[in-house]
Amino acid sequence: MKPPAFSYYRPESVAQALHLLSTVEGAKILAGGQSLIPMMNMRLARPDALVDINHLTELTSIQDVGDALEIGALVRHDELLRSPLVRRHAPLVAQAERLIGHPAIRSRGTIGGSLAHADPAAELPVLAVLGDWELIVSSQTQTRTISAGDFFLSYFVTTLAPEEMLLRIRLPKVSTYGHIAEYAIQAGDFALTIAATSVDVGPSGVVRECRIALGGVTDVPWRDKTIERQAIGQVAQDSLWKDISHTVAEAIDPIDDLHATSAYRRQLAEALLREALHRAAQPKPA
């Protein structure tokens, strides 16, 4: 199928793009197009106009800003996978990028597009909630910073206003280790369930910090800090991860669709989370 008719704009700057979003009714941002274009072809999305930002180099940098990385919204998945800064300071992102789609998709899709699309079965929204990322968005009249936990509202719905555009993402540098585990029907598909973890274990083997986020089970990435705190102060061992994973599985209310039942997703979440916690807590070579 082909998309319905639309107007096409190619702004020369972020300022021009924001002007178009505020003045052209029904306009949508076109970045990598790996989600928007298929949805348009299937008539699931019908924007009146596309604002193509692919050539705006001001949105393509990865910068070390002290205690965080600032990543432009147009940085491609493949660039995140290859970036020495990302591998050093946000290694879980590099790990997740290997799970996203196929090489052709990773060469075009962008970090900003993945977050703004807000598919709860996508890896980067899950990591954003896990890592307390900050999303910097702007309109013609204001720039605001939104925490990832407040950004996602429902399936494909965020707090972005129609006249706003995601410009940059701020990722706190991490000193802890993490792991992401997921199950998809076939490689490259969206996962049925994702479990992402970050665990800090002290020299005595006691958990100092534990973070857990799930994808594909609810309409937004799932995280419960109360359950995370239950692990703090306990010895990092398989029995703890088994108990925490079971507690999480009991706490979630997974979606039920044509791909998997709610009960199956609950079982997946428990098994994947136990694996992810175990692997995140393993000693790493110096």
C-alpha atoms as a PDB file:
ATOM      1  CA  MET A   1       0.000   0.000   0.000  1.00  0.00           C
ATOM      2  CA  LYS A   2       0.959   3.626  -0.464  1.00  0.00           C
ATOM      3  CA  PRO A   3       0.374   6.483   1.988  1.00  0.00           C
ATOM      4  CA  PRO A   4      -2.384   9.055   1.527  1.00  0.00           C
ATOM      5  CA  ALA A   5      -1.373  12.422   0.058  1.00  0.00           C
ATOM      6  CA  PHE A   6       0.629  14.775   2.265  1.00  0.00           C
ATOM      7  CA  SER A   7       2.600  18.003   2.020  1.00  0.00           C
ATOM      8  CA  TYR A   8       6.383  17.821   2.393  1.00  0.00           C
ATOM      9  CA  TYR A   9       8.676  20.347   4.075  1.00  0.00           C
ATOM     10  CA  ARG A  10      12.457  20.311   4.448  1.00  0.00           C
ATOM     11  CA  PRO A  11      13.496  22.946   6.989  1.00  0.00           C
ATOM     12  CA  GLU A  12      17.065  24.247   7.077  1.00  0.00           C
ATOM     13  CA  SER A  13      17.254  24.586  10.871  1.00  0.00           C
ATOM     14  CA  VAL A  14      15.620  23.473  14.094  1.00  0.00           C
ATOM     15  CA  ALA A  15      14.061  26.933  14.358  1.00  0.00           C
ATOM     16  CA  GLN A  16      12.415  26.502  10.945  1.00  0.00           C
ATOM     17  CA  ALA A  17      11.206  23.030  11.884  1.00  0.00           C
ATOM     18  CA  LEU A  18       9.588  24.361  15.060  1.00  0.00           C
ATOM     19  CA  HIS A  19       7.979  27.178  13.071  1.00  0.00           C
ATOM     20  CA  LEU A  20       6.458  24.644  10.672  1.00  0.00           C
ATOM     21  CA  LEU A  21       5.130  22.521  13.537  1.00  0.00           C
ATOM     22  CA  SER A  22       3.389  25.550  14.993  1.00  0.00           C
ATOM     23  CA  THR A  23       1.914  26.833  11.714  1.00  0.00           C
ATOM     24  CA  VAL A  24       1.190  23.789   9.537  1.00  0.00           C
ATOM     25  CA  GLU A  25      -1.875  21.910  10.700  1.00  0.00           C
ATOM     26  CA  GLY A  26      -1.487  18.146  11.041  1.00  0.00           C
ATOM     27  CA  ALA A  27       2.302  18.178  10.584  1.00  0.00           C
ATOM     28  CA  LYS A  28       4.477  15.312  11.826  1.00  0.00           C
ATOM     29  CA  ILE A  29       8.243  15.036  12.167  1.00  0.00           C
ATOM     30  CA  LEU A  30       9.979  12.665   9.740  1.00  0.00           C
ATOM     31  CA  ALA A  31      13.276  11.392  11.153  1.00  0.00           C
ATOM     32  CA  GLY A  32      14.393   7.821  10.366  1.00  0.00           C
ATOM     33  CA  GLY A  33      10.894   6.914   9.175  1.00  0.00           C
ATOM     34  CA  GLN A  34      11.220   3.300  10.295  1.00  0.00           C
ATOM     35  CA  SER A  35       7.932   3.441  12.224  1.00  0.00           C
ATOM     36  CA  LEU A  36       6.050   6.372  10.696  1.00  0.00           C
ATOM     37  CA  ILE A  37       6.329   5.385   7.029  1.00  0.00           C
ATOM     38  CA  PRO A  38       5.036   1.803   7.491  1.00  0.00           C
ATOM     39  CA  MET A  39       2.153   3.170   9.560  1.00  0.00           C
ATOM     40  CA  MET A  40       1.343   5.651   6.787  1.00  0.00           C
ATOM     41  CA  ASN A  41       1.524   2.928   4.156  1.00  0.00           C
ATOM     42  CA  MET A  42      -0.968   0.862   6.153  1.00  0.00           C
ATOM     43  CA  ARG A  43      -3.176   3.965   6.649  1.00  0.00           C
ATOM     44  CA  LEU A  44      -2.732   3.725  10.413  1.00  0.00           C
ATOM     45  CA  ALA A  45      -1.250   7.232  10.421  1.00  0.00           C
ATOM     46  CA  ARG A  46      -2.511  10.043   8.173  1.00  0.00           C
ATOM     47  CA  PRO A  47      -0.470  13.203   8.773  1.00  0.00           C
ATOM     48  CA  ASP A  48      -1.366  16.136   6.544  1.00  0.00           C
ATOM     49  CA  ALA A  49       2.290  17.146   6.270  1.00  0.00           C
ATOM     50  CA  LEU A  50       5.761  15.773   6.965  1.00  0.00           C
ATOM     51  CA  VAL A  51       8.580  17.935   8.300  1.00  0.00           C
ATOM     52  CA  ASP A  52      11.795  16.177   7.243  1.00  0.00           C
ATOM     53  CA  ILE A  53      14.593  16.861   9.748  1.00  0.00           C
ATOM     54  CA  ASN A  54      17.083  14.267   8.487  1.00  0.00           C
ATOM     55  CA  HIS A  55      19.717  16.770   7.402  1.00  0.00           C
ATOM     56  CA  LEU A  56      19.705  18.909  10.590  1.00  0.00           C
ATOM     57  CA  THR A  57      23.261  18.240  11.777  1.00  0.00           C
ATOM     58  CA  GLU A  58      22.652  20.170  15.013  1.00  0.00           C
ATOM     59  CA  LEU A  59      20.704  17.111  16.200  1.00  0.00           C
ATOM     60  CA  THR A  60      23.350  14.478  15.398  1.00  0.00           C
ATOM     61  CA  SER A  61      25.963  14.787  18.149  1.00  0.00           C
ATOM     62  CA  ILE A  62      26.907  12.591  21.102  1.00  0.00           C
ATOM     63  CA  GLN A  63      28.514  14.770  23.774  1.00  0.00           C
ATOM     64  CA  ASP A  64      30.132  14.180  27.149  1.00  0.00           C
ATOM     65  CA  VAL A  65      28.700  16.859  29.458  1.00  0.00           C
ATOM     66  CA  GLY A  66      30.329  15.808  32.716  1.00  0.00           C
ATOM     67  CA  ASP A  67      28.041  13.488  34.634  1.00  0.00           C
ATOM     68  CA  ALA A  68      25.907  12.628  31.598  1.00  0.00           C
ATOM     69  CA  LEU A  69      25.865  12.068  27.856  1.00  0.00           C
ATOM     70  CA  GLU A  70      23.737  14.341  25.702  1.00  0.00           C
ATOM     71  CA  ILE A  71      22.585  12.632  22.530  1.00  0.00           C
ATOM     72  CA  GLY A  72      20.928  14.439  19.653  1.00  0.00           C
ATOM     73  CA  ALA A  73      17.522  13.142  18.653  1.00  0.00           C
ATOM     74  CA  LEU A  74      18.768  12.320  15.132  1.00  0.00           C
ATOM     75  CA  VAL A  75      21.571  10.000  16.230  1.00  0.00           C
ATOM     76  CA  ARG A  76      21.012   6.664  14.453  1.00  0.00           C
ATOM     77  CA  HIS A  77      20.853   3.317  16.219  1.00  0.00           C
ATOM     78  CA  ASP A  78      23.995   2.179  14.425  1.00  0.00           C
ATOM     79  CA  GLU A  79      25.888   5.228  15.699  1.00  0.00           C
ATOM     80  CA  LEU A  80      24.827   4.445  19.260  1.00  0.00           C
ATOM     81  CA  LEU A  81      26.052   0.884  18.816  1.00  0.00           C
ATOM     82  CA  ARG A  82      29.472   2.028  17.562  1.00  0.00           C
ATOM     83  CA  SER A  83      30.043   5.071  19.799  1.00  0.00           C
ATOM     84  CA  PRO A  84      32.999   4.712  22.231  1.00  0.00           C
ATOM     85  CA  LEU A  85      31.294   7.206  24.576  1.00  0.00           C
ATOM     86  CA  VAL A  86      28.105   5.131  24.675  1.00  0.00           C
ATOM     87  CA  ARG A  87      29.978   1.864  25.158  1.00  0.00           C
ATOM     88  CA  ARG A  88      31.956   3.376  28.044  1.00  0.00           C
ATOM     89  CA  HIS A  89      29.321   5.403  29.879  1.00  0.00           C
ATOM     90  CA  ALA A  90      26.019   3.749  28.831  1.00  0.00           C
ATOM     91  CA  PRO A  91      26.959   0.154  27.983  1.00  0.00           C
ATOM     92  CA  LEU A  92      23.410  -1.122  28.389  1.00  0.00           C
ATOM     93  CA  VAL A  93      22.375   1.088  25.455  1.00  0.00           C
ATOM     94  CA  ALA A  94      25.010  -0.493  23.233  1.00  0.00           C
ATOM     95  CA  GLN A  95      23.859  -3.938  24.369  1.00  0.00           C
ATOM     96  CA  ALA A  96      20.228  -3.111  23.567  1.00  0.00           C
ATOM     97  CA  GLU A  97      21.049  -1.708  20.146  1.00  0.00           C
ATOM     98  CA  ARG A  98      22.135  -5.151  18.976  1.00  0.00           C
ATOM     99  CA  LEU A  99      18.570  -6.348  19.599  1.00  0.00           C
ATOM    100  CA  ILE A 100      16.832  -3.606  17.604  1.00  0.00           C
ATOM    101  CA  GLY A 101      15.497  -4.664  14.216  1.00  0.00           C
ATOM    102  CA  HIS A 102      18.018  -5.456  11.487  1.00  0.00           C
ATOM    103  CA  PRO A 103      21.079  -3.581  10.153  1.00  0.00           C
ATOM    104  CA  ALA A 104      19.004  -1.692   7.575  1.00  0.00           C
ATOM    105  CA  ILE A 105      16.644  -0.465  10.297  1.00  0.00           C
ATOM    106  CA  ARG A 106      19.491   0.440  12.655  1.00  0.00           C
ATOM    107  CA  SER A 107      21.175   2.471   9.913  1.00  0.00           C
ATOM    108  CA  ARG A 108      18.108   4.731   9.540  1.00  0.00           C
ATOM    109  CA  GLY A 109      16.152   4.644  12.780  1.00  0.00           C
ATOM    110  CA  THR A 110      16.954   7.269  15.421  1.00  0.00           C
ATOM    111  CA  ILE A 111      16.987   7.444  19.200  1.00  0.00           C
ATOM    112  CA  GLY A 112      14.573  10.374  19.133  1.00  0.00           C
ATOM    113  CA  GLY A 113      12.204   8.596  16.789  1.00  0.00           C
ATOM    114  CA  SER A 114      12.121   5.485  18.966  1.00  0.00           C
ATOM    115  CA  LEU A 115      11.350   7.482  22.107  1.00  0.00           C
ATOM    116  CA  ALA A 116       8.787   9.780  20.478  1.00  0.00           C
ATOM    117  CA  HIS A 117       7.043   6.804  18.829  1.00  0.00           C
ATOM    118  CA  ALA A 118       6.568   5.361  22.344  1.00  0.00           C
ATOM    119  CA  ASP A 119       6.076   1.717  21.494  1.00  0.00           C
ATOM    120  CA  PRO A 120       6.095  -0.051  24.900  1.00  0.00           C
ATOM    121  CA  ALA A 121       7.664  -3.118  23.256  1.00  0.00           C
ATOM    122  CA  ALA A 122      10.719  -1.143  22.068  1.00  0.00           C
ATOM    123  CA  GLU A 123      14.041  -1.357  23.874  1.00  0.00           C
ATOM    124  CA  LEU A 124      14.999   2.320  24.212  1.00  0.00           C
ATOM    125  CA  PRO A 125      11.836   3.487  26.015  1.00  0.00           C
ATOM    126  CA  VAL A 126      12.427   0.711  28.557  1.00  0.00           C
ATOM    127  CA  LEU A 127      16.038   1.812  29.087  1.00  0.00           C
ATOM    128  CA  ALA A 128      14.941   5.450  29.328  1.00  0.00           C
ATOM    129  CA  VAL A 129      12.647   4.626  32.250  1.00  0.00           C
ATOM    130  CA  LEU A 130      15.221   2.311  33.841  1.00  0.00           C
ATOM    131  CA  GLY A 131      17.989   4.917  33.667  1.00  0.00           C
ATOM    132  CA  ASP A 132      15.983   8.050  34.516  1.00  0.00           C
ATOM    133  CA  TRP A 133      16.834   9.691  31.210  1.00  0.00           C
ATOM    134  CA  GLU A 134      15.829  13.301  30.621  1.00  0.00           C
ATOM    135  CA  LEU A 135      14.245  14.343  27.327  1.00  0.00           C
ATOM    136  CA  ILE A 136      14.756  17.921  26.190  1.00  0.00           C
ATOM    137  CA  VAL A 137      11.897  19.124  23.994  1.00  0.00           C
ATOM    138  CA  SER A 138      11.176  22.490  22.454  1.00  0.00           C
ATOM    139  CA  SER A 139       8.527  24.537  20.731  1.00  0.00           C
ATOM    140  CA  GLN A 140       8.804  28.042  19.303  1.00  0.00           C
ATOM    141  CA  THR A 141       8.022  29.530  22.687  1.00  0.00           C
ATOM    142  CA  GLN A 142       9.654  27.290  25.282  1.00  0.00           C
ATOM    143  CA  THR A 143      12.135  24.513  25.972  1.00  0.00           C
ATOM    144  CA  ARG A 144      11.407  22.020  28.718  1.00  0.00           C
ATOM    145  CA  THR A 145      13.037  18.940  30.208  1.00  0.00           C
ATOM    146  CA  ILE A 146      10.872  15.881  30.864  1.00  0.00           C
ATOM    147  CA  SER A 147      11.877  12.840  32.893  1.00  0.00           C
ATOM    148  CA  ALA A 148      11.401   9.565  31.044  1.00  0.00           C
ATOM    149  CA  GLY A 149       9.043   8.342  33.745  1.00  0.00           C
ATOM    150  CA  ASP A 150       6.677  11.207  32.932  1.00  0.00           C
ATOM    151  CA  PHE A 151       7.162  11.188  29.159  1.00  0.00           C
ATOM    152  CA  PHE A 152       5.244   8.034  28.198  1.00  0.00           C
ATOM    153  CA  LEU A 153       1.473   8.170  28.677  1.00  0.00           C
ATOM    154  CA  SER A 154       0.053   5.171  26.772  1.00  0.00           C
ATOM    155  CA  TYR A 155       0.491   3.187  23.554  1.00  0.00           C
ATOM    156  CA  PHE A 156       2.229   5.552  21.105  1.00  0.00           C
ATOM    157  CA  VAL A 157       1.248   8.553  23.254  1.00  0.00           C
ATOM    158  CA  THR A 158       3.679  10.922  24.992  1.00  0.00           C
ATOM    159  CA  THR A 159       3.567  14.306  26.667  1.00  0.00           C
ATOM    160  CA  LEU A 160       4.890  15.944  23.480  1.00  0.00           C
ATOM    161  CA  ALA A 161       2.541  18.658  22.272  1.00  0.00           C
ATOM    162  CA  PRO A 162       1.827  18.827  18.496  1.00  0.00           C
ATOM    163  CA  GLU A 163       4.050  21.908  18.159  1.00  0.00           C
ATOM    164  CA  GLU A 164       6.958  20.403  20.127  1.00  0.00           C
ATOM    165  CA  MET A 165       9.968  18.428  18.937  1.00  0.00           C
ATOM    166  CA  LEU A 166      12.357  16.210  20.866  1.00  0.00           C
ATOM    167  CA  LEU A 167      15.834  17.741  20.511  1.00  0.00           C
ATOM    168  CA  ARG A 168      18.213  15.925  22.862  1.00  0.00           C
ATOM    169  CA  ILE A 169      18.311  13.103  25.365  1.00  0.00           C
ATOM    170  CA  ARG A 170      20.402  13.305  28.526  1.00  0.00           C
ATOM    171  CA  LEU A 171      21.645   9.949  29.855  1.00  0.00           C
ATOM    172  CA  PRO A 172      23.274   9.888  33.301  1.00  0.00           C
ATOM    173  CA  LYS A 173      26.615   8.107  33.171  1.00  0.00           C
ATOM    174  CA  VAL A 174      26.494   4.756  34.952  1.00  0.00           C
ATOM    175  CA  SER A 175      29.043   3.029  37.144  1.00  0.00           C
ATOM    176  CA  THR A 176      26.868  -0.036  37.732  1.00  0.00           C
ATOM    177  CA  TYR A 177      26.375  -3.022  35.470  1.00  0.00           C
ATOM    178  CA  GLY A 178      23.174  -3.979  33.736  1.00  0.00           C
ATOM    179  CA  HIS A 179      21.634  -6.515  31.428  1.00  0.00           C
ATOM    180  CA  ILE A 180      18.712  -6.625  29.025  1.00  0.00           C
ATOM    181  CA  ALA A 181      16.914  -9.872  28.208  1.00  0.00           C
ATOM    182  CA  GLU A 182      14.022 -10.231  25.806  1.00  0.00           C
ATOM    183  CA  TYR A 183      12.011 -12.745  23.829  1.00  0.00           C
ATOM    184  CA  ALA A 184      10.784 -12.178  20.285  1.00  0.00           C
ATOM    185  CA  ILE A 185       9.044 -14.660  18.000  1.00  0.00           C
ATOM    186  CA  GLN A 186      11.838 -14.176  15.487  1.00  0.00           C
ATOM    187  CA  ALA A 187      15.031 -12.125  15.457  1.00  0.00           C
ATOM    188  CA  GLY A 188      14.427  -8.489  14.587  1.00  0.00           C
ATOM    189  CA  ASP A 189      10.771  -8.478  15.621  1.00  0.00           C
ATOM    190  CA  PHE A 190       9.481  -6.390  18.486  1.00  0.00           C
ATOM    191  CA  ALA A 191       9.855  -8.386  21.686  1.00  0.00           C
ATOM    192  CA  LEU A 192       6.876  -9.944  23.411  1.00  0.00           C
ATOM    193  CA  THR A 193       8.515  -9.047  26.714  1.00  0.00           C
ATOM    194  CA  ILE A 194      11.672  -7.158  27.718  1.00  0.00           C
ATOM    195  CA  ALA A 195      13.416  -7.173  31.089  1.00  0.00           C
ATOM    196  CA  ALA A 196      16.136  -4.593  31.766  1.00  0.00           C
ATOM    197  CA  THR A 197      18.101  -4.382  35.002  1.00  0.00           C
ATOM    198  CA  SER A 198      20.901  -2.458  36.666  1.00  0.00           C
ATOM    199  CA  VAL A 199      22.473  -3.852  39.833  1.00  0.00           C
ATOM    200  CA  ASP A 200      25.208  -2.477  42.091  1.00  0.00           C
ATOM    201  CA  VAL A 201      26.748  -5.053  44.418  1.00  0.00           C
ATOM    202  CA  GLY A 202      29.193  -3.967  47.120  1.00  0.00           C
ATOM    203  CA  PRO A 203      32.471  -5.708  48.017  1.00  0.00           C
ATOM    204  CA  SER A 204      30.650  -7.714  50.708  1.00  0.00           C
ATOM    205  CA  GLY A 205      28.194  -9.099  48.158  1.00  0.00           C
ATOM    206  CA  VAL A 206      25.311  -6.955  49.407  1.00  0.00           C
ATOM    207  CA  VAL A 207      23.051  -5.144  46.939  1.00  0.00           C
ATOM    208  CA  ARG A 208      23.488  -1.366  47.085  1.00  0.00           C
ATOM    209  CA  GLU A 209      21.162  -0.493  44.211  1.00  0.00           C
ATOM    210  CA  CYS A 210      18.718  -2.423  42.045  1.00  0.00           C
ATOM    211  CA  ARG A 211      16.721  -1.117  39.104  1.00  0.00           C
ATOM    212  CA  ILE A 212      14.126  -3.044  37.102  1.00  0.00           C
ATOM    213  CA  ALA A 213      12.116  -2.083  34.024  1.00  0.00           C
ATOM    214  CA  LEU A 214       9.873  -4.175  31.796  1.00  0.00           C
ATOM    215  CA  GLY A 215       8.652  -3.648  28.254  1.00  0.00           C
ATOM    216  CA  GLY A 216       5.845  -5.237  26.279  1.00  0.00           C
ATOM    217  CA  VAL A 217       3.690  -6.008  29.304  1.00  0.00           C
ATOM    218  CA  THR A 218       1.724  -2.769  29.760  1.00  0.00           C
ATOM    219  CA  ASP A 219       0.918   0.315  27.702  1.00  0.00           C
ATOM    220  CA  VAL A 220       4.070   2.090  28.940  1.00  0.00           C
ATOM    221  CA  PRO A 221       7.441   0.807  30.168  1.00  0.00           C
ATOM    222  CA  TRP A 222       6.896  -0.623  33.662  1.00  0.00           C
ATOM    223  CA  ARG A 223       8.957   0.173  36.759  1.00  0.00           C
ATOM    224  CA  ASP A 224       8.207  -0.080  40.498  1.00  0.00           C
ATOM    225  CA  LYS A 225      10.767   1.539  42.806  1.00  0.00           C
ATOM    226  CA  THR A 226       9.129   0.029  45.890  1.00  0.00           C
ATOM    227  CA  ILE A 227       9.925  -3.482  44.685  1.00  0.00           C
ATOM    228  CA  GLU A 228      13.447  -2.401  43.709  1.00  0.00           C
ATOM    229  CA  ARG A 229      14.124  -1.228  47.269  1.00  0.00           C
ATOM    230  CA  GLN A 230      13.309  -4.696  48.603  1.00  0.00           C
ATOM    231  CA  ALA A 231      16.617  -5.941  47.189  1.00  0.00           C
ATOM    232  CA  ILE A 232      18.779  -3.284  48.857  1.00  0.00           C
ATOM    233  CA  GLY A 233      20.814  -4.597  51.785  1.00  0.00           C
ATOM    234  CA  GLN A 234      20.309  -8.232  50.843  1.00  0.00           C
ATOM    235  CA  VAL A 235      22.955 -10.650  49.626  1.00  0.00           C
ATOM    236  CA  ALA A 236      23.100 -10.869  45.840  1.00  0.00           C
ATOM    237  CA  GLN A 237      22.264 -14.511  45.167  1.00  0.00           C
ATOM    238  CA  ASP A 238      19.944 -16.542  42.979  1.00  0.00           C
ATOM    239  CA  SER A 239      17.321 -16.968  45.698  1.00  0.00           C
ATOM    240  CA  LEU A 240      16.968 -13.177  45.962  1.00  0.00           C
ATOM    241  CA  TRP A 241      16.570 -12.772  42.197  1.00  0.00           C
ATOM    242  CA  LYS A 242      14.009 -15.573  42.155  1.00  0.00           C
ATOM    243  CA  ASP A 243      11.969 -13.866  44.896  1.00  0.00           C
ATOM    244  CA  ILE A 244      12.185 -10.406  43.311  1.00  0.00           C
ATOM    245  CA  SER A 245      11.213 -11.770  39.888  1.00  0.00           C
ATOM    246  CA  HIS A 246       8.216 -13.575  41.344  1.00  0.00           C
ATOM    247  CA  THR A 247       7.138 -10.432  43.200  1.00  0.00           C
ATOM    248  CA  VAL A 248       7.310  -8.435  39.970  1.00  0.00           C
ATOM    249  CA  ALA A 249       5.368 -11.093  38.054  1.00  0.00           C
ATOM    250  CA  GLU A 250       2.634 -10.949  40.674  1.00  0.00           C
ATOM    251  CA  ALA A 251       2.539  -7.142  40.560  1.00  0.00           C
ATOM    252  CA  ILE A 252       2.127  -6.661  36.796  1.00  0.00           C
ATOM    253  CA  ASP A 253      -1.062  -6.979  34.780  1.00  0.00           C
ATOM    254  CA  PRO A 254       0.231  -7.941  31.328  1.00  0.00           C
ATOM    255  CA  ILE A 255      -1.615  -7.174  28.134  1.00  0.00           C
ATOM    256  CA  ASP A 256      -3.378  -9.943  26.223  1.00  0.00           C
ATOM    257  CA  ASP A 257      -3.285  -9.841  22.400  1.00  0.00           C
ATOM    258  CA  LEU A 258      -2.995 -12.019  19.313  1.00  0.00           C
ATOM    259  CA  HIS A 259       0.742 -12.542  19.908  1.00  0.00           C
ATOM    260  CA  ALA A 260       0.610 -13.790  23.507  1.00  0.00           C
ATOM    261  CA  THR A 261      -1.767 -14.241  26.397  1.00  0.00           C
ATOM    262  CA  SER A 262      -1.457 -12.264  29.597  1.00  0.00           C
ATOM    263  CA  ALA A 263      -0.449 -15.418  31.480  1.00  0.00           C
ATOM    264  CA  TYR A 264       2.306 -16.186  28.971  1.00  0.00           C
ATOM    265  CA  ARG A 265       3.715 -12.663  29.204  1.00  0.00           C
ATOM    266  CA  ARG A 266       3.708 -12.938  32.994  1.00  0.00           C
ATOM    267  CA  GLN A 267       5.747 -16.158  32.785  1.00  0.00           C
ATOM    268  CA  LEU A 268       8.117 -14.538  30.287  1.00  0.00           C
ATOM    269  CA  ALA A 269       8.568 -11.482  32.486  1.00  0.00           C
ATOM    270  CA  GLU A 270       9.459 -13.615  35.512  1.00  0.00           C
ATOM    271  CA  ALA A 271      11.933 -15.803  33.625  1.00  0.00           C
ATOM    272  CA  LEU A 272      13.584 -12.959  31.712  1.00  0.00           C
ATOM    273  CA  LEU A 273      13.847 -10.762  34.782  1.00  0.00           C
ATOM    274  CA  ARG A 274      15.472 -13.502  36.835  1.00  0.00           C
ATOM    275  CA  GLU A 275      18.043 -13.983  34.062  1.00  0.00           C
ATOM    276  CA  ALA A 276      18.668 -10.253  33.711  1.00  0.00           C
ATOM    277  CA  LEU A 277      19.121  -9.731  37.463  1.00  0.00           C
ATOM    278  CA  HIS A 278      21.468 -12.703  37.756  1.00  0.00           C
ATOM    279  CA  ARG A 279      23.644 -11.535  34.869  1.00  0.00           C
ATOM    280  CA  ALA A 280      23.677  -7.887  35.947  1.00  0.00           C
ATOM    281  CA  ALA A 281      24.941  -8.890  39.403  1.00  0.00           C
ATOM    282  CA  GLN A 282      27.842 -11.036  38.177  1.00  0.00           C
ATOM    283  CA  PRO A 283      31.371  -9.783  38.920  1.00  0.00           C
ATOM    284  CA  LYS A 284      32.876  -8.036  35.907  1.00  0.00           C
ATOM    285  CA  PRO A 285      36.522  -8.161  34.894  1.00  0.00           C
ATOM    286  CA  ALA A 286      38.524  -5.081  35.895  1.00  0.00           C
END
